[in-house]
Amino acid sequence: MIPFTLEKCKTRAGYSAKLPSPRKLNLSCIKKEFEVLLETPILLVVKVEGLEIVVHGFGELLFKNSKEEDLEKMRKVAEKIYDLGLKN
């Protein structure tokens, strides 16, 4: 399992997942597995199980339309995104 933190954002509405230190995510692997709403060279916006997630290439995930009761779902989705994005 890949270690990461999941906490409420101080500056934005929503939650964010972060790796202990920034690591480059393979966005092309991630976009093959999820519904992509927006794609740029540095980030993706994907939709998973009703959650909208901004996937930054440096490893931060921002869960936009999330609530505290979605924490377990967010944790599982973040694990899957990190598993896919950190494969060599």
PDB file of N, CA and C in Angstrom:
ATOM      1  N   MET A   1       0.832  -1.191   0.000  1.00  0.00           N
ATOM      2  CA  MET A   1       0.000   0.000   0.000  1.00  0.00           C
ATOM      3  C   MET A   1       0.875   1.252   0.000  1.00  0.00           C
ATOM      4  N   ILE A   2       0.451   2.229  -0.760  1.00  0.00           N
ATOM      5  CA  ILE A   2       1.201   3.479  -0.885  1.00  0.00           C
ATOM      6  C   ILE A   2       0.734   4.441   0.210  1.00  0.00           C
ATOM      7  N   PRO A   3       1.658   4.977   1.016  1.00  0.00           N
ATOM      8  CA  PRO A   3       1.251   5.903   2.079  1.00  0.00           C
ATOM      9  C   PRO A   3       0.854   7.267   1.513  1.00  0.00           C
ATOM     10  N   PHE A   4      -0.246   7.808   2.043  1.00  0.00           N
ATOM     11  CA  PHE A   4      -0.682   9.156   1.676  1.00  0.00           C
ATOM     12  C   PHE A   4      -1.569   9.691   2.791  1.00  0.00           C
ATOM     13  N   THR A   5      -1.757  11.008   2.793  1.00  0.00           N
ATOM     14  CA  THR A   5      -2.659  11.627   3.760  1.00  0.00           C
ATOM     15  C   THR A   5      -3.913  12.086   3.029  1.00  0.00           C
ATOM     16  N   LEU A   6      -5.029  12.074   3.732  1.00  0.00           N
ATOM     17  CA  LEU A   6      -6.296  12.562   3.190  1.00  0.00           C
ATOM     18  C   LEU A   6      -6.891  13.485   4.235  1.00  0.00           C
ATOM     19  N   GLU A   7      -7.007  14.766   3.884  1.00  0.00           N
ATOM     20  CA  GLU A   7      -7.534  15.733   4.862  1.00  0.00           C
ATOM     21  C   GLU A   7      -8.313  16.836   4.177  1.00  0.00           C
ATOM     22  N   LYS A   8      -9.093  17.538   4.977  1.00  0.00           N
ATOM     23  CA  LYS A   8      -9.888  18.650   4.466  1.00  0.00           C
ATOM     24  C   LYS A   8      -8.958  19.782   4.047  1.00  0.00           C
ATOM     25  N   CYS A   9      -9.241  20.360   2.884  1.00  0.00           N
ATOM     26  CA  CYS A   9      -8.437  21.489   2.395  1.00  0.00           C
ATOM     27  C   CYS A   9      -8.710  22.724   3.241  1.00  0.00           C
ATOM     28  N   LYS A  10      -7.680  23.466   3.517  1.00  0.00           N
ATOM     29  CA  LYS A  10      -7.840  24.699   4.276  1.00  0.00           C
ATOM     30  C   LYS A  10      -8.296  25.846   3.374  1.00  0.00           C
ATOM     31  N   THR A  11      -7.837  25.847   2.127  1.00  0.00           N
ATOM     32  CA  THR A  11      -8.113  26.975   1.242  1.00  0.00           C
ATOM     33  C   THR A  11      -9.238  26.707   0.246  1.00  0.00           C
ATOM     34  N   ARG A  12      -9.521  25.433  -0.032  1.00  0.00           N
ATOM     35  CA  ARG A  12     -10.546  25.114  -1.017  1.00  0.00           C
ATOM     36  C   ARG A  12     -11.614  24.236  -0.373  1.00  0.00           C
ATOM     37  N   ALA A  13     -12.809  24.283  -0.938  1.00  0.00           N
ATOM     38  CA  ALA A  13     -13.869  23.399  -0.453  1.00  0.00           C
ATOM     39  C   ALA A  13     -13.579  21.995  -0.977  1.00  0.00           C
ATOM     40  N   GLY A  14     -13.476  21.039  -0.101  1.00  0.00           N
ATOM     41  CA  GLY A  14     -13.200  19.672  -0.509  1.00  0.00           C
ATOM     42  C   GLY A  14     -12.096  19.051   0.317  1.00  0.00           C
ATOM     43  N   TYR A  15     -11.630  17.907  -0.155  1.00  0.00           N
ATOM     44  CA  TYR A  15     -10.569  17.165   0.525  1.00  0.00           C
ATOM     45  C   TYR A  15      -9.418  16.958  -0.433  1.00  0.00           C
ATOM     46  N   SER A  16      -8.219  16.779   0.112  1.00  0.00           N
ATOM     47  CA  SER A  16      -7.074  16.495  -0.749  1.00  0.00           C
ATOM     48  C   SER A  16      -6.274  15.326  -0.198  1.00  0.00           C
ATOM     49  N   ALA A  17      -5.723  14.556  -1.122  1.00  0.00           N
ATOM     50  CA  ALA A  17      -4.829  13.452  -0.784  1.00  0.00           C
ATOM     51  C   ALA A  17      -3.444  13.847  -1.263  1.00  0.00           C
ATOM     52  N   LYS A  18      -2.451  13.602  -0.415  1.00  0.00           N
ATOM     53  CA  LYS A  18      -1.073  13.951  -0.759  1.00  0.00           C
ATOM     54  C   LYS A  18      -0.145  12.813  -0.378  1.00  0.00           C
ATOM     55  N   LEU A  19       0.873  12.629  -1.192  1.00  0.00           N
ATOM     56  CA  LEU A  19       1.936  11.672  -0.887  1.00  0.00           C
ATOM     57  C   LEU A  19       2.880  12.319   0.120  1.00  0.00           C
ATOM     58  N   PRO A  20       3.665  11.518   0.870  1.00  0.00           N
ATOM     59  CA  PRO A  20       4.601  12.109   1.843  1.00  0.00           C
ATOM     60  C   PRO A  20       5.578  13.094   1.192  1.00  0.00           C
ATOM     61  N   SER A  21       5.996  12.798  -0.040  1.00  0.00           N
ATOM     62  CA  SER A  21       6.822  13.740  -0.797  1.00  0.00           C
ATOM     63  C   SER A  21       6.318  13.704  -2.239  1.00  0.00           C
ATOM     64  N   PRO A  22       6.362  14.838  -2.941  1.00  0.00           N
ATOM     65  CA  PRO A  22       5.825  14.881  -4.312  1.00  0.00           C
ATOM     66  C   PRO A  22       6.499  13.841  -5.215  1.00  0.00           C
ATOM     67  N   ARG A  23       5.684  13.139  -5.974  1.00  0.00           N
ATOM     68  CA  ARG A  23       6.175  12.166  -6.954  1.00  0.00           C
ATOM     69  C   ARG A  23       5.365  12.334  -8.231  1.00  0.00           C
ATOM     70  N   LYS A  24       6.005  12.132  -9.343  1.00  0.00           N
ATOM     71  CA  LYS A  24       5.341  12.300 -10.634  1.00  0.00           C
ATOM     72  C   LYS A  24       4.389  11.133 -10.894  1.00  0.00           C
ATOM     73  N   LEU A  25       3.143  11.472 -11.218  1.00  0.00           N
ATOM     74  CA  LEU A  25       2.145  10.459 -11.558  1.00  0.00           C
ATOM     75  C   LEU A  25       2.085  10.286 -13.072  1.00  0.00           C
ATOM     76  N   ASN A  26       1.880   9.060 -13.512  1.00  0.00           N
ATOM     77  CA  ASN A  26       1.712   8.768 -14.931  1.00  0.00           C
ATOM     78  C   ASN A  26       0.243   9.009 -15.283  1.00  0.00           C
ATOM     79  N   LEU A  27      -0.044  10.199 -15.792  1.00  0.00           N
ATOM     80  CA  LEU A  27      -1.423  10.584 -16.073  1.00  0.00           C
ATOM     81  C   LEU A  27      -2.039   9.744 -17.182  1.00  0.00           C
ATOM     82  N   SER A  28      -1.218   9.271 -18.135  1.00  0.00           N
ATOM     83  CA  SER A  28      -1.773   8.471 -19.230  1.00  0.00           C
ATOM     84  C   SER A  28      -2.290   7.120 -18.736  1.00  0.00           C
ATOM     85  N   CYS A  29      -1.642   6.532 -17.731  1.00  0.00           N
ATOM     86  CA  CYS A  29      -2.147   5.282 -17.137  1.00  0.00           C
ATOM     87  C   CYS A  29      -3.464   5.530 -16.406  1.00  0.00           C
ATOM     88  N   ILE A  30      -3.547   6.648 -15.723  1.00  0.00           N
ATOM     89  CA  ILE A  30      -4.755   6.971 -14.947  1.00  0.00           C
ATOM     90  C   ILE A  30      -5.941   7.229 -15.878  1.00  0.00           C
ATOM     91  N   LYS A  31      -5.708   7.954 -16.969  1.00  0.00           N
ATOM     92  CA  LYS A  31      -6.833   8.313 -17.849  1.00  0.00           C
ATOM     93  C   LYS A  31      -7.419   7.110 -18.572  1.00  0.00           C
ATOM     94  N   LYS A  32      -6.669   6.028 -18.687  1.00  0.00           N
ATOM     95  CA  LYS A  32      -7.183   4.814 -19.326  1.00  0.00           C
ATOM     96  C   LYS A  32      -8.234   4.116 -18.458  1.00  0.00           C
ATOM     97  N   GLU A  33      -8.187   4.342 -17.142  1.00  0.00           N
ATOM     98  CA  GLU A  33      -9.042   3.615 -16.205  1.00  0.00           C
ATOM     99  C   GLU A  33     -10.266   4.385 -15.721  1.00  0.00           C
ATOM    100  N   PHE A  34     -10.280   5.705 -15.908  1.00  0.00           N
ATOM    101  CA  PHE A  34     -11.351   6.515 -15.350  1.00  0.00           C
ATOM    102  C   PHE A  34     -11.996   7.391 -16.415  1.00  0.00           C
ATOM    103  N   GLU A  35     -13.209   7.857 -16.129  1.00  0.00           N
ATOM    104  CA  GLU A  35     -13.894   8.802 -17.004  1.00  0.00           C
ATOM    105  C   GLU A  35     -13.206  10.161 -16.864  1.00  0.00           C
ATOM    106  N   VAL A  36     -12.663  10.665 -17.962  1.00  0.00           N
ATOM    107  CA  VAL A  36     -11.919  11.927 -17.938  1.00  0.00           C
ATOM    108  C   VAL A  36     -12.845  13.072 -18.342  1.00  0.00           C
ATOM    109  N   LEU A  37     -12.953  14.073 -17.473  1.00  0.00           N
ATOM    110  CA  LEU A  37     -13.760  15.256 -17.755  1.00  0.00           C
ATOM    111  C   LEU A  37     -12.924  16.360 -18.384  1.00  0.00           C
ATOM    112  N   LEU A  38     -11.644  16.427 -18.007  1.00  0.00           N
ATOM    113  CA  LEU A  38     -10.738  17.458 -18.520  1.00  0.00           C
ATOM    114  C   LEU A  38      -9.324  16.902 -18.505  1.00  0.00           C
ATOM    115  N   GLU A  39      -8.573  17.195 -19.569  1.00  0.00           N
ATOM    116  CA  GLU A  39      -7.183  16.731 -19.637  1.00  0.00           C
ATOM    117  C   GLU A  39      -6.287  17.879 -20.085  1.00  0.00           C
ATOM    118  N   THR A  40      -5.223  18.118 -19.325  1.00  0.00           N
ATOM    119  CA  THR A  40      -4.186  19.073 -19.705  1.00  0.00           C
ATOM    120  C   THR A  40      -2.852  18.348 -19.530  1.00  0.00           C
ATOM    121  N   PRO A  41      -1.753  18.932 -19.986  1.00  0.00           N
ATOM    122  CA  PRO A  41      -0.454  18.254 -19.806  1.00  0.00           C
ATOM    123  C   PRO A  41      -0.045  18.057 -18.341  1.00  0.00           C
ATOM    124  N   ILE A  42      -0.588  18.863 -17.418  1.00  0.00           N
ATOM    125  CA  ILE A  42      -0.142  18.767 -16.023  1.00  0.00           C
ATOM    126  C   ILE A  42      -1.184  18.199 -15.067  1.00  0.00           C
ATOM    127  N   LEU A  43      -2.438  18.049 -15.521  1.00  0.00           N
ATOM    128  CA  LEU A  43      -3.458  17.492 -14.625  1.00  0.00           C
ATOM    129  C   LEU A  43      -4.593  16.864 -15.414  1.00  0.00           C
ATOM    130  N   LEU A  44      -5.364  16.040 -14.695  1.00  0.00           N
ATOM    131  CA  LEU A  44      -6.595  15.449 -15.209  1.00  0.00           C
ATOM    132  C   LEU A  44      -7.719  15.780 -14.241  1.00  0.00           C
ATOM    133  N   VAL A  45      -8.925  15.887 -14.750  1.00  0.00           N
ATOM    134  CA  VAL A  45     -10.106  15.907 -13.893  1.00  0.00           C
ATOM    135  C   VAL A  45     -10.874  14.644 -14.270  1.00  0.00           C
ATOM    136  N   VAL A  46     -11.045  13.758 -13.294  1.00  0.00           N
ATOM    137  CA  VAL A  46     -11.721  12.488 -13.545  1.00  0.00           C
ATOM    138  C   VAL A  46     -12.955  12.374 -12.664  1.00  0.00           C
ATOM    139  N   LYS A  47     -13.885  11.529 -13.102  1.00  0.00           N
ATOM    140  CA  LYS A  47     -15.091  11.278 -12.315  1.00  0.00           C
ATOM    141  C   LYS A  47     -15.099   9.797 -11.951  1.00  0.00           C
ATOM    142  N   VAL A  48     -15.207   9.531 -10.647  1.00  0.00           N
ATOM    143  CA  VAL A  48     -15.204   8.170 -10.133  1.00  0.00           C
ATOM    144  C   VAL A  48     -16.267   8.064  -9.046  1.00  0.00           C
ATOM    145  N   GLU A  49     -17.180   7.138  -9.215  1.00  0.00           N
ATOM    146  CA  GLU A  49     -18.208   6.876  -8.202  1.00  0.00           C
ATOM    147  C   GLU A  49     -18.887   8.158  -7.711  1.00  0.00           C
ATOM    148  N   GLY A  50     -19.186   9.062  -8.638  1.00  0.00           N
ATOM    149  CA  GLY A  50     -19.864  10.301  -8.277  1.00  0.00           C
ATOM    150  C   GLY A  50     -18.963  11.394  -7.736  1.00  0.00           C
ATOM    151  N   LEU A  51     -17.672  11.110  -7.574  1.00  0.00           N
ATOM    152  CA  LEU A  51     -16.719  12.105  -7.079  1.00  0.00           C
ATOM    153  C   LEU A  51     -15.953  12.711  -8.251  1.00  0.00           C
ATOM    154  N   GLU A  52     -15.749  14.022  -8.211  1.00  0.00           N
ATOM    155  CA  GLU A  52     -14.901  14.698  -9.187  1.00  0.00           C
ATOM    156  C   GLU A  52     -13.542  14.908  -8.550  1.00  0.00           C
ATOM    157  N   ILE A  53     -12.493  14.443  -9.233  1.00  0.00           N
ATOM    158  CA  ILE A  53     -11.155  14.495  -8.654  1.00  0.00           C
ATOM    159  C   ILE A  53     -10.196  15.179  -9.618  1.00  0.00           C
ATOM    160  N   VAL A  54      -9.481  16.183  -9.108  1.00  0.00           N
ATOM    161  CA  VAL A  54      -8.414  16.824  -9.870  1.00  0.00           C
ATOM    162  C   VAL A  54      -7.135  16.058  -9.530  1.00  0.00           C
ATOM    163  N   VAL A  55      -6.545  15.428 -10.547  1.00  0.00           N
ATOM    164  CA  VAL A  55      -5.329  14.637 -10.366  1.00  0.00           C
ATOM    165  C   VAL A  55      -4.165  15.461 -10.897  1.00  0.00           C
ATOM    166  N   HIS A  56      -3.345  15.993 -10.010  1.00  0.00           N
ATOM    167  CA  HIS A  56      -2.180  16.784 -10.405  1.00  0.00           C
ATOM    168  C   HIS A  56      -1.020  15.856 -10.732  1.00  0.00           C
ATOM    169  N   GLY A  57      -0.250  16.196 -11.744  1.00  0.00           N
ATOM    170  CA  GLY A  57       0.885  15.383 -12.150  1.00  0.00           C
ATOM    171  C   GLY A  57       1.934  15.212 -11.072  1.00  0.00           C
ATOM    172  N   PHE A  58       2.002  16.132 -10.102  1.00  0.00           N
ATOM    173  CA  PHE A  58       3.004  16.033  -9.029  1.00  0.00           C
ATOM    174  C   PHE A  58       2.522  15.191  -7.850  1.00  0.00           C
ATOM    175  N   GLY A  59       1.291  14.646  -7.947  1.00  0.00           N
ATOM    176  CA  GLY A  59       0.842  13.696  -6.938  1.00  0.00           C
ATOM    177  C   GLY A  59      -0.281  14.107  -6.013  1.00  0.00           C
ATOM    178  N   GLU A  60      -0.746  15.340  -6.088  1.00  0.00           N
ATOM    179  CA  GLU A  60      -1.859  15.737  -5.210  1.00  0.00           C
ATOM    180  C   GLU A  60      -3.184  15.428  -5.888  1.00  0.00           C
ATOM    181  N   LEU A  61      -4.139  14.941  -5.108  1.00  0.00           N
ATOM    182  CA  LEU A  61      -5.497  14.686  -5.584  1.00  0.00           C
ATOM    183  C   LEU A  61      -6.444  15.616  -4.834  1.00  0.00           C
ATOM    184  N   LEU A  62      -7.290  16.316  -5.561  1.00  0.00           N
ATOM    185  CA  LEU A  62      -8.264  17.210  -4.937  1.00  0.00           C
ATOM    186  C   LEU A  62      -9.655  16.671  -5.239  1.00  0.00           C
ATOM    187  N   PHE A  63     -10.371  16.293  -4.192  1.00  0.00           N
ATOM    188  CA  PHE A  63     -11.743  15.799  -4.314  1.00  0.00           C
ATOM    189  C   PHE A  63     -12.665  16.999  -4.201  1.00  0.00           C
ATOM    190  N   LYS A  64     -13.274  17.384  -5.331  1.00  0.00           N
ATOM    191  CA  LYS A  64     -14.018  18.641  -5.385  1.00  0.00           C
ATOM    192  C   LYS A  64     -15.369  18.596  -4.690  1.00  0.00           C
ATOM    193  N   ASN A  65     -16.226  17.691  -5.077  1.00  0.00           N
ATOM    194  CA  ASN A  65     -17.599  17.693  -4.558  1.00  0.00           C
ATOM    195  C   ASN A  65     -17.772  16.584  -3.525  1.00  0.00           C
ATOM    196  N   SER A  66     -17.007  16.662  -2.460  1.00  0.00           N
ATOM    197  CA  SER A  66     -16.994  15.579  -1.474  1.00  0.00           C
ATOM    198  C   SER A  66     -17.442  16.067  -0.103  1.00  0.00           C
ATOM    199  N   LYS A  67     -17.911  15.090   0.681  1.00  0.00           N
ATOM    200  CA  LYS A  67     -18.356  15.383   2.042  1.00  0.00           C
ATOM    201  C   LYS A  67     -17.644  14.437   2.997  1.00  0.00           C
ATOM    202  N   GLU A  68     -17.730  14.723   4.264  1.00  0.00           N
ATOM    203  CA  GLU A  68     -17.055  13.912   5.272  1.00  0.00           C
ATOM    204  C   GLU A  68     -17.496  12.448   5.215  1.00  0.00           C
ATOM    205  N   GLU A  69     -18.774  12.213   4.899  1.00  0.00           N
ATOM    206  CA  GLU A  69     -19.244  10.819   4.853  1.00  0.00           C
ATOM    207  C   GLU A  69     -18.677  10.037   3.656  1.00  0.00           C
ATOM    208  N   ASP A  70     -18.010  10.719   2.724  1.00  0.00           N
ATOM    209  CA  ASP A  70     -17.375  10.064   1.574  1.00  0.00           C
ATOM    210  C   ASP A  70     -15.914   9.682   1.839  1.00  0.00           C
ATOM    211  N   LEU A  71     -15.429   9.883   3.051  1.00  0.00           N
ATOM    212  CA  LEU A  71     -14.004   9.676   3.338  1.00  0.00           C
ATOM    213  C   LEU A  71     -13.506   8.282   2.954  1.00  0.00           C
ATOM    214  N   GLU A  72     -14.245   7.246   3.278  1.00  0.00           N
ATOM    215  CA  GLU A  72     -13.794   5.884   2.962  1.00  0.00           C
ATOM    216  C   GLU A  72     -13.743   5.664   1.448  1.00  0.00           C
ATOM    217  N   LYS A  73     -14.748   6.179   0.746  1.00  0.00           N
ATOM    218  CA  LYS A  73     -14.763   6.085  -0.716  1.00  0.00           C
ATOM    219  C   LYS A  73     -13.570   6.843  -1.305  1.00  0.00           C
ATOM    220  N   MET A  74     -13.293   8.039  -0.771  1.00  0.00           N
ATOM    221  CA  MET A  74     -12.157   8.841  -1.257  1.00  0.00           C
ATOM    222  C   MET A  74     -10.841   8.102  -1.027  1.00  0.00           C
ATOM    223  N   ARG A  75     -10.716   7.461   0.128  1.00  0.00           N
ATOM    224  CA  ARG A  75      -9.492   6.722   0.458  1.00  0.00           C
ATOM    225  C   ARG A  75      -9.262   5.582  -0.554  1.00  0.00           C
ATOM    226  N   LYS A  76     -10.317   4.848  -0.871  1.00  0.00           N
ATOM    227  CA  LYS A  76     -10.202   3.734  -1.821  1.00  0.00           C
ATOM    228  C   LYS A  76      -9.867   4.222  -3.227  1.00  0.00           C
ATOM    229  N   VAL A  77     -10.510   5.304  -3.657  1.00  0.00           N
ATOM    230  CA  VAL A  77     -10.249   5.870  -4.978  1.00  0.00           C
ATOM    231  C   VAL A  77      -8.819   6.393  -5.045  1.00  0.00           C
ATOM    232  N   ALA A  78      -8.363   7.077  -3.999  1.00  0.00           N
ATOM    233  CA  ALA A  78      -6.989   7.596  -3.975  1.00  0.00           C
ATOM    234  C   ALA A  78      -5.982   6.454  -4.071  1.00  0.00           C
ATOM    235  N   GLU A  79      -6.221   5.352  -3.346  1.00  0.00           N
ATOM    236  CA  GLU A  79      -5.326   4.194  -3.435  1.00  0.00           C
ATOM    237  C   GLU A  79      -5.240   3.678  -4.857  1.00  0.00           C
ATOM    238  N   LYS A  80      -6.384   3.572  -5.529  1.00  0.00           N
ATOM    239  CA  LYS A  80      -6.395   3.064  -6.901  1.00  0.00           C
ATOM    240  C   LYS A  80      -5.656   4.015  -7.845  1.00  0.00           C
ATOM    241  N   ILE A  81      -5.889   5.325  -7.698  1.00  0.00           N
ATOM    242  CA  ILE A  81      -5.216   6.303  -8.555  1.00  0.00           C
ATOM    243  C   ILE A  81      -3.703   6.253  -8.323  1.00  0.00           C
ATOM    244  N   TYR A  82      -3.274   6.214  -7.072  1.00  0.00           N
ATOM    245  CA  TYR A  82      -1.841   6.152  -6.782  1.00  0.00           C
ATOM    246  C   TYR A  82      -1.222   4.845  -7.288  1.00  0.00           C
ATOM    247  N   ASP A  83      -1.942   3.719  -7.132  1.00  0.00           N
ATOM    248  CA  ASP A  83      -1.432   2.441  -7.646  1.00  0.00           C
ATOM    249  C   ASP A  83      -1.192   2.513  -9.142  1.00  0.00           C
ATOM    250  N   LEU A  84      -2.136   3.085  -9.872  1.00  0.00           N
ATOM    251  CA  LEU A  84      -2.002   3.209 -11.325  1.00  0.00           C
ATOM    252  C   LEU A  84      -0.943   4.231 -11.714  1.00  0.00           C
ATOM    253  N   GLY A  85      -0.963   5.383 -11.064  1.00  0.00           N
ATOM    254  CA  GLY A  85      -0.096   6.490 -11.454  1.00  0.00           C
ATOM    255  C   GLY A  85       1.362   6.321 -11.091  1.00  0.00           C
ATOM    256  N   LEU A  86       1.655   5.467 -10.109  1.00  0.00           N
ATOM    257  CA  LEU A  86       3.045   5.296  -9.665  1.00  0.00           C
ATOM    258  C   LEU A  86       3.695   4.035 -10.227  1.00  0.00           C
ATOM    259  N   LYS A  87       2.992   3.339 -11.115  1.00  0.00           N
ATOM    260  CA  LYS A  87       3.601   2.168 -11.768  1.00  0.00           C
ATOM    261  C   LYS A  87       4.693   2.640 -12.701  1.00  0.00           C
ATOM    262  N   ASN A  88       5.745   1.864 -12.790  1.00  0.00           N
ATOM    263  CA  ASN A  88       6.859   2.244 -13.694  1.00  0.00           C
ATOM    264  C   ASN A  88       6.614   1.734 -15.092  1.00  0.00           C
TER     265      ASN A  88
END
